[in-house]
Amino acid sequence: MLTRIITAVVGISVAITVLFLHKTVVLPIAIAVVIGIMLFELVRTVKLEKCMPILVSAEICGISLPLIYYNYRSYNIISIITFGITLLCSFAIFVTWLNKHKEIQYSQVFFVLACMILVPRAMSTIILIEILSTHSVFFIVMGLCGAWIADSGAYFTGVAIGKHKLCPEISPKKTIEGFVGGIISTAVVFVASFFVYNNFITENPLGLTIIQYILVALAGMVCAVIGTVGDLSASIVKRQIGFKDYGKIMPGHGGFMDRFDSVLFVLPAFYVFILMTGLIGGNSFLYYKF
């Protein structure tokens, strides 16, 4: 328990520092580091971490994305660069597969290809939020909390009144009561956070209406459901491969994938929410194409 607490304190301290410097290159570099570690952990699950051409290709494709988003504002330029890098990295992976087809299975290759597209795209949503909104820090925190609040709410509710298993073969500790508790707690925290931020913290109020507060509650509920799906999906991978944790970089918590698995689904969903409700401001529909 002490190890978990120390790791959490260190992690929160680093996160606060990065958010404090969110208008600098520190933010995309930090996201690139997180993406790089997550991709390494995922490539490791299919035992390809020692195949350098595949590992390096996946890492280049992933790490480059937040830096590209940060340095360019033109949709066309970003599309051309990201498409070119993804194509070249994918080509390198296929060439490696052809050369080592007796050692590498198609399931390993396509797992890596899927991860090197999903992980960078999802995590780089943070850069899009930073670019487009004057309330970026608040929205980034809420996007992350959309996953983590649900997990905490589900845990405490499950411990208190959980009786019926949600997915016993995938995650034995999750209960239906905990799942519902996570949904409700996320909705409540979302509404309370938006209310406090809008009325007592920001100098540029969001001007939320009753309808928008209802939408905020619904967004929290949807994020909780989506986050649970992400968490269970990552658990399936670990269970089928035989891993307890994706990594050991965070003592007591496992790897970055163990902490950010649900975030991969929640962040993009939350980003779409603040776009569609007009909360993010700016030229939102330019970036909605992503």
Protein backbone atom coordinates (compact mmCIF):
# COMPACT_ATOMS: atom_id res chain seq x y z
CA MET A 1 0.00 0.00 0.00
CA LEU A 2 2.82 2.43 0.90
CA THR A 3 4.46 1.76 -2.46
CA ARG A 4 1.20 2.53 -4.29
CA ILE A 5 0.78 5.78 -2.37
CA ILE A 6 4.35 6.94 -3.03
CA THR A 7 4.02 6.12 -6.72
CA ALA A 8 0.70 7.98 -6.89
CA VAL A 9 2.16 11.07 -5.19
CA VAL A 10 5.12 11.11 -7.60
CA GLY A 11 2.81 10.61 -10.58
CA ILE A 12 0.45 13.38 -9.51
CA SER A 13 3.38 15.74 -8.92
CA VAL A 14 4.72 15.09 -12.43
CA ALA A 15 1.25 15.54 -13.92
CA ILE A 16 0.74 18.88 -12.13
CA THR A 17 4.13 20.10 -13.37
CA VAL A 18 3.29 19.14 -16.95
CA LEU A 19 -0.11 20.83 -16.76
CA PHE A 20 1.50 23.96 -15.28
CA LEU A 21 3.73 24.06 -18.37
CA HIS A 22 0.92 23.12 -20.75
CA LYS A 23 1.55 26.04 -23.08
CA THR A 24 5.12 24.92 -23.74
CA VAL A 25 6.70 22.02 -25.60
CA VAL A 26 6.78 20.12 -22.29
CA LEU A 27 3.19 18.93 -22.84
CA PRO A 28 3.68 17.20 -26.23
CA ILE A 29 7.01 15.77 -25.08
CA ALA A 30 5.38 14.32 -21.97
CA ILE A 31 2.57 12.81 -24.04
CA ALA A 32 5.13 11.40 -26.50
CA VAL A 33 6.96 9.73 -23.61
CA VAL A 34 3.72 8.21 -22.29
CA ILE A 35 2.81 6.97 -25.78
CA GLY A 36 6.28 5.50 -26.25
CA ILE A 37 6.10 3.56 -22.99
CA MET A 38 2.56 2.35 -23.67
CA LEU A 39 3.53 1.11 -27.13
CA PHE A 40 6.57 -0.70 -25.74
CA GLU A 41 4.37 -2.42 -23.18
CA LEU A 42 1.90 -3.47 -25.85
CA VAL A 43 4.56 -4.69 -28.29
CA ARG A 44 6.04 -6.64 -25.39
CA THR A 45 2.74 -8.48 -24.85
CA VAL A 46 3.08 -10.11 -28.29
CA LYS A 47 6.78 -10.81 -27.72
CA LEU A 48 8.09 -8.48 -30.42
CA GLU A 49 9.98 -6.03 -28.20
CA LYS A 50 13.29 -7.56 -29.31
CA CYS A 51 12.43 -7.23 -33.00
CA MET A 52 13.91 -3.76 -33.39
CA PRO A 53 12.53 -2.88 -36.86
CA ILE A 54 8.96 -3.47 -35.67
CA LEU A 55 9.46 -1.84 -32.26
CA VAL A 56 11.22 1.23 -33.68
CA SER A 57 8.62 1.64 -36.45
CA ALA A 58 5.76 1.51 -33.97
CA GLU A 59 7.52 3.95 -31.64
CA ILE A 60 8.29 6.46 -34.41
CA CYS A 61 4.70 6.38 -35.61
CA GLY A 62 3.41 6.91 -32.08
CA ILE A 63 5.85 9.41 -30.64
CA SER A 64 5.73 11.70 -33.68
CA LEU A 65 1.98 12.35 -33.52
CA PRO A 66 1.72 14.68 -30.48
CA LEU A 67 4.75 16.62 -31.73
CA ILE A 68 3.16 17.03 -35.17
CA TYR A 69 -0.13 18.19 -33.64
CA TYR A 70 1.73 20.71 -31.50
CA ASN A 71 3.86 22.20 -34.29
CA TYR A 72 1.29 22.47 -37.09
CA ARG A 73 -2.17 24.03 -37.29
CA SER A 74 -3.13 23.21 -40.90
CA TYR A 75 -5.38 20.18 -41.28
CA ASN A 76 -3.93 19.41 -44.72
CA ILE A 77 -0.30 19.56 -43.58
CA ILE A 78 -1.01 17.41 -40.52
CA SER A 79 -2.88 14.85 -42.65
CA ILE A 80 -0.06 14.59 -45.18
CA ILE A 81 2.68 14.24 -42.56
CA THR A 82 0.83 11.74 -40.36
CA PHE A 83 -0.28 9.68 -43.36
CA GLY A 84 3.27 9.59 -44.70
CA ILE A 85 4.80 8.55 -41.38
CA THR A 86 2.12 5.91 -40.74
CA LEU A 87 2.54 4.51 -44.25
CA LEU A 88 6.35 4.30 -44.00
CA CYS A 89 6.25 2.72 -40.54
CA SER A 90 3.61 0.21 -41.64
CA PHE A 91 5.67 -0.63 -44.73
CA ALA A 92 8.74 -1.23 -42.55
CA ILE A 93 6.73 -3.57 -40.34
CA PHE A 94 5.42 -5.56 -43.31
CA VAL A 95 8.90 -5.85 -44.83
CA THR A 96 10.16 -7.16 -41.50
CA TRP A 97 7.27 -9.63 -41.38
CA LEU A 98 8.08 -10.89 -44.89
CA ASN A 99 11.69 -11.37 -43.89
CA LYS A 100 10.77 -13.22 -40.67
CA HIS A 101 7.47 -14.84 -41.65
CA LYS A 102 8.48 -18.15 -40.08
CA GLU A 103 8.98 -16.47 -36.70
CA ILE A 104 6.30 -13.77 -36.66
CA GLN A 105 2.57 -14.53 -36.89
CA TYR A 106 0.01 -12.31 -38.59
CA SER A 107 -1.82 -11.80 -35.27
CA GLN A 108 1.31 -10.23 -33.78
CA VAL A 109 1.77 -7.89 -36.74
CA PHE A 110 -1.81 -6.66 -36.87
CA PHE A 111 -1.94 -6.22 -33.09
CA VAL A 112 1.07 -3.89 -33.30
CA LEU A 113 -0.44 -2.01 -36.27
CA ALA A 114 -3.71 -1.47 -34.40
CA CYS A 115 -1.93 -0.28 -31.24
CA MET A 116 0.38 2.15 -33.05
CA ILE A 117 -2.70 3.84 -34.53
CA LEU A 118 -5.09 3.72 -31.56
CA VAL A 119 -2.74 4.74 -28.74
CA PRO A 120 -1.16 7.87 -30.34
CA ARG A 121 -4.47 9.10 -31.75
CA ALA A 122 -6.25 8.73 -28.43
CA MET A 123 -3.53 10.25 -26.24
CA SER A 124 -2.82 13.10 -28.68
CA THR A 125 -6.39 14.28 -28.14
CA ILE A 126 -4.87 16.16 -25.21
CA ILE A 127 -2.92 18.33 -27.66
CA LEU A 128 -6.06 19.11 -29.65
CA ILE A 129 -7.84 20.21 -26.48
CA GLU A 130 -4.87 22.37 -25.50
CA ILE A 131 -4.75 24.05 -28.91
CA LEU A 132 -8.43 24.82 -29.21
CA SER A 133 -9.61 25.88 -25.76
CA THR A 134 -8.80 28.59 -23.23
CA HIS A 135 -10.08 26.13 -20.61
CA SER A 136 -7.71 23.42 -21.77
CA VAL A 137 -6.28 22.40 -18.38
CA PHE A 138 -9.76 21.89 -16.92
CA PHE A 139 -10.94 19.90 -19.94
CA ILE A 140 -7.80 17.75 -19.97
CA VAL A 141 -8.24 16.95 -16.29
CA MET A 142 -11.92 16.13 -16.78
CA GLY A 143 -11.14 13.95 -19.78
CA LEU A 144 -8.70 11.93 -17.70
CA CYS A 145 -11.01 11.87 -14.69
CA GLY A 146 -13.80 10.56 -16.89
CA ALA A 147 -11.96 7.26 -16.79
CA TRP A 148 -10.43 7.30 -13.33
CA ILE A 149 -13.45 8.56 -11.35
CA ALA A 150 -15.57 5.75 -12.74
CA ASP A 151 -12.95 3.22 -11.71
CA SER A 152 -12.75 4.59 -8.16
CA GLY A 153 -16.53 4.90 -7.84
CA ALA A 154 -17.00 1.36 -9.08
CA TYR A 155 -14.39 0.05 -6.63
CA PHE A 156 -15.87 1.64 -3.51
CA THR A 157 -19.45 0.83 -4.50
CA GLY A 158 -18.47 -2.74 -5.28
CA VAL A 159 -16.72 -3.14 -1.94
CA ALA A 160 -19.75 -1.72 -0.11
CA ILE A 161 -22.68 -3.44 -1.81
CA GLY A 162 -21.32 -5.46 -4.74
CA LYS A 163 -22.86 -8.93 -5.02
CA HIS A 164 -23.39 -9.71 -8.71
CA LYS A 165 -20.32 -10.26 -10.91
CA LEU A 166 -20.08 -8.15 -14.05
CA CYS A 167 -17.55 -10.16 -16.07
CA PRO A 168 -16.20 -12.87 -13.76
CA GLU A 169 -14.04 -14.54 -16.40
CA ILE A 170 -12.36 -11.29 -17.41
CA SER A 171 -12.27 -9.25 -14.20
CA PRO A 172 -13.49 -11.25 -11.19
CA LYS A 173 -13.62 -8.25 -8.84
CA LYS A 174 -15.92 -6.09 -10.95
CA THR A 175 -19.59 -6.16 -9.99
CA ILE A 176 -22.79 -4.87 -11.60
CA GLU A 177 -23.43 -2.74 -8.52
CA GLY A 178 -19.95 -1.29 -8.79
CA PHE A 179 -20.45 -0.60 -12.49
CA VAL A 180 -23.66 1.34 -11.77
CA GLY A 181 -21.97 3.13 -8.88
CA GLY A 182 -19.14 4.18 -11.18
CA ILE A 183 -21.61 5.61 -13.69
CA ILE A 184 -23.52 7.58 -11.07
CA SER A 185 -20.40 8.86 -9.28
CA THR A 186 -18.85 10.05 -12.54
CA ALA A 187 -22.03 11.94 -13.49
CA VAL A 188 -22.17 13.61 -10.06
CA VAL A 189 -18.48 14.55 -10.05
CA PHE A 190 -18.72 15.90 -13.60
CA VAL A 191 -21.66 18.20 -12.80
CA ALA A 192 -20.10 19.35 -9.51
CA SER A 193 -16.71 20.00 -11.15
CA PHE A 194 -18.19 21.97 -14.04
CA PHE A 195 -20.34 24.00 -11.61
CA VAL A 196 -17.43 24.86 -9.29
CA TYR A 197 -15.07 25.65 -12.16
CA ASN A 198 -17.64 27.77 -13.99
CA ASN A 199 -18.77 29.77 -10.95
CA PHE A 200 -15.76 30.01 -8.65
CA ILE A 201 -12.51 29.32 -10.51
CA THR A 202 -12.39 30.57 -14.09
CA GLU A 203 -12.41 34.27 -14.96
CA ASN A 204 -13.98 33.38 -18.31
CA PRO A 205 -17.17 31.46 -17.42
CA LEU A 206 -18.42 28.77 -19.78
CA GLY A 207 -21.94 30.14 -19.49
CA LEU A 208 -23.52 26.75 -18.92
CA THR A 209 -27.29 26.37 -19.13
CA ILE A 210 -29.44 23.78 -17.35
CA ILE A 211 -29.54 21.73 -20.54
CA GLN A 212 -25.75 21.81 -20.80
CA TYR A 213 -25.42 20.64 -17.19
CA ILE A 214 -27.70 17.73 -18.07
CA LEU A 215 -25.46 16.99 -21.04
CA VAL A 216 -22.44 17.14 -18.74
CA ALA A 217 -24.05 14.52 -16.51
CA LEU A 218 -24.80 12.35 -19.53
CA ALA A 219 -21.21 12.79 -20.73
CA GLY A 220 -19.96 11.59 -17.37
CA MET A 221 -22.19 8.54 -17.57
CA VAL A 222 -21.10 7.72 -21.11
CA CYS A 223 -17.43 8.17 -20.18
CA ALA A 224 -17.89 5.75 -17.29
CA VAL A 225 -19.38 3.10 -19.59
CA ILE A 226 -16.75 3.62 -22.28
CA GLY A 227 -13.96 3.58 -19.72
CA THR A 228 -15.18 0.25 -18.35
CA VAL A 229 -15.16 -1.21 -21.86
CA GLY A 230 -11.58 -0.01 -22.32
CA ASP A 231 -10.52 -1.44 -18.98
CA LEU A 232 -12.11 -4.82 -19.70
CA SER A 233 -10.62 -4.90 -23.21
CA ALA A 234 -7.13 -4.39 -21.81
CA SER A 235 -7.83 -7.05 -19.19
CA ILE A 236 -8.77 -9.55 -21.90
CA VAL A 237 -5.41 -9.03 -23.58
CA LYS A 238 -3.54 -9.59 -20.31
CA ARG A 239 -5.62 -12.63 -19.40
CA GLN A 240 -5.22 -14.30 -22.80
CA ILE A 241 -1.49 -13.65 -22.89
CA GLY A 242 -0.93 -14.53 -19.24
CA PHE A 243 0.30 -11.15 -17.95
CA LYS A 244 -0.58 -9.79 -14.53
CA ASP A 245 0.45 -6.24 -15.43
CA TYR A 246 1.61 -4.59 -18.64
CA GLY A 247 4.76 -3.33 -16.97
CA LYS A 248 6.51 -2.44 -13.73
CA ILE A 249 7.43 1.18 -14.38
CA MET A 250 4.91 2.34 -11.76
CA PRO A 251 5.55 0.26 -8.61
CA GLY A 252 2.29 -0.90 -7.10
CA HIS A 253 0.31 0.21 -10.16
CA GLY A 254 1.88 -1.79 -12.99
CA GLY A 255 2.65 -0.19 -16.33
CA PHE A 256 1.33 2.88 -18.10
CA MET A 257 -1.16 0.72 -20.01
CA ASP A 258 -2.57 -0.46 -16.68
CA ARG A 259 -3.32 3.17 -15.78
CA PHE A 260 -4.32 4.54 -19.19
CA ASP A 261 -6.22 1.61 -20.73
CA SER A 262 -9.65 3.17 -20.16
CA VAL A 263 -8.32 6.64 -21.03
CA LEU A 264 -7.71 5.47 -24.61
CA PHE A 265 -11.47 5.32 -25.14
CA VAL A 266 -12.65 8.06 -22.79
CA LEU A 267 -10.44 10.94 -23.98
CA PRO A 268 -11.62 10.88 -27.63
CA ALA A 269 -15.23 10.50 -26.49
CA PHE A 270 -14.93 13.47 -24.12
CA TYR A 271 -13.26 15.50 -26.86
CA VAL A 272 -16.20 14.84 -29.19
CA PHE A 273 -18.57 15.87 -26.38
CA ILE A 274 -16.99 19.27 -25.80
CA LEU A 275 -16.87 19.82 -29.55
CA MET A 276 -20.49 18.95 -30.18
CA THR A 277 -21.74 21.02 -27.24
CA GLY A 278 -19.67 24.04 -28.29
CA LEU A 279 -17.79 24.19 -24.98
CA ILE A 280 -14.33 24.04 -26.47
CA GLY A 281 -14.67 27.12 -28.65
CA GLY A 282 -12.33 28.08 -31.46
CA ASN A 283 -12.20 26.44 -34.89
CA SER A 284 -13.45 23.18 -33.47
CA PHE A 285 -14.86 21.66 -36.65
CA LEU A 286 -11.47 21.92 -38.33
CA TYR A 287 -10.08 19.46 -35.80
CA TYR A 288 -13.28 17.44 -35.56
CA LYS A 289 -12.16 15.79 -38.83
CA PHE A 290 -9.61 13.85 -36.80
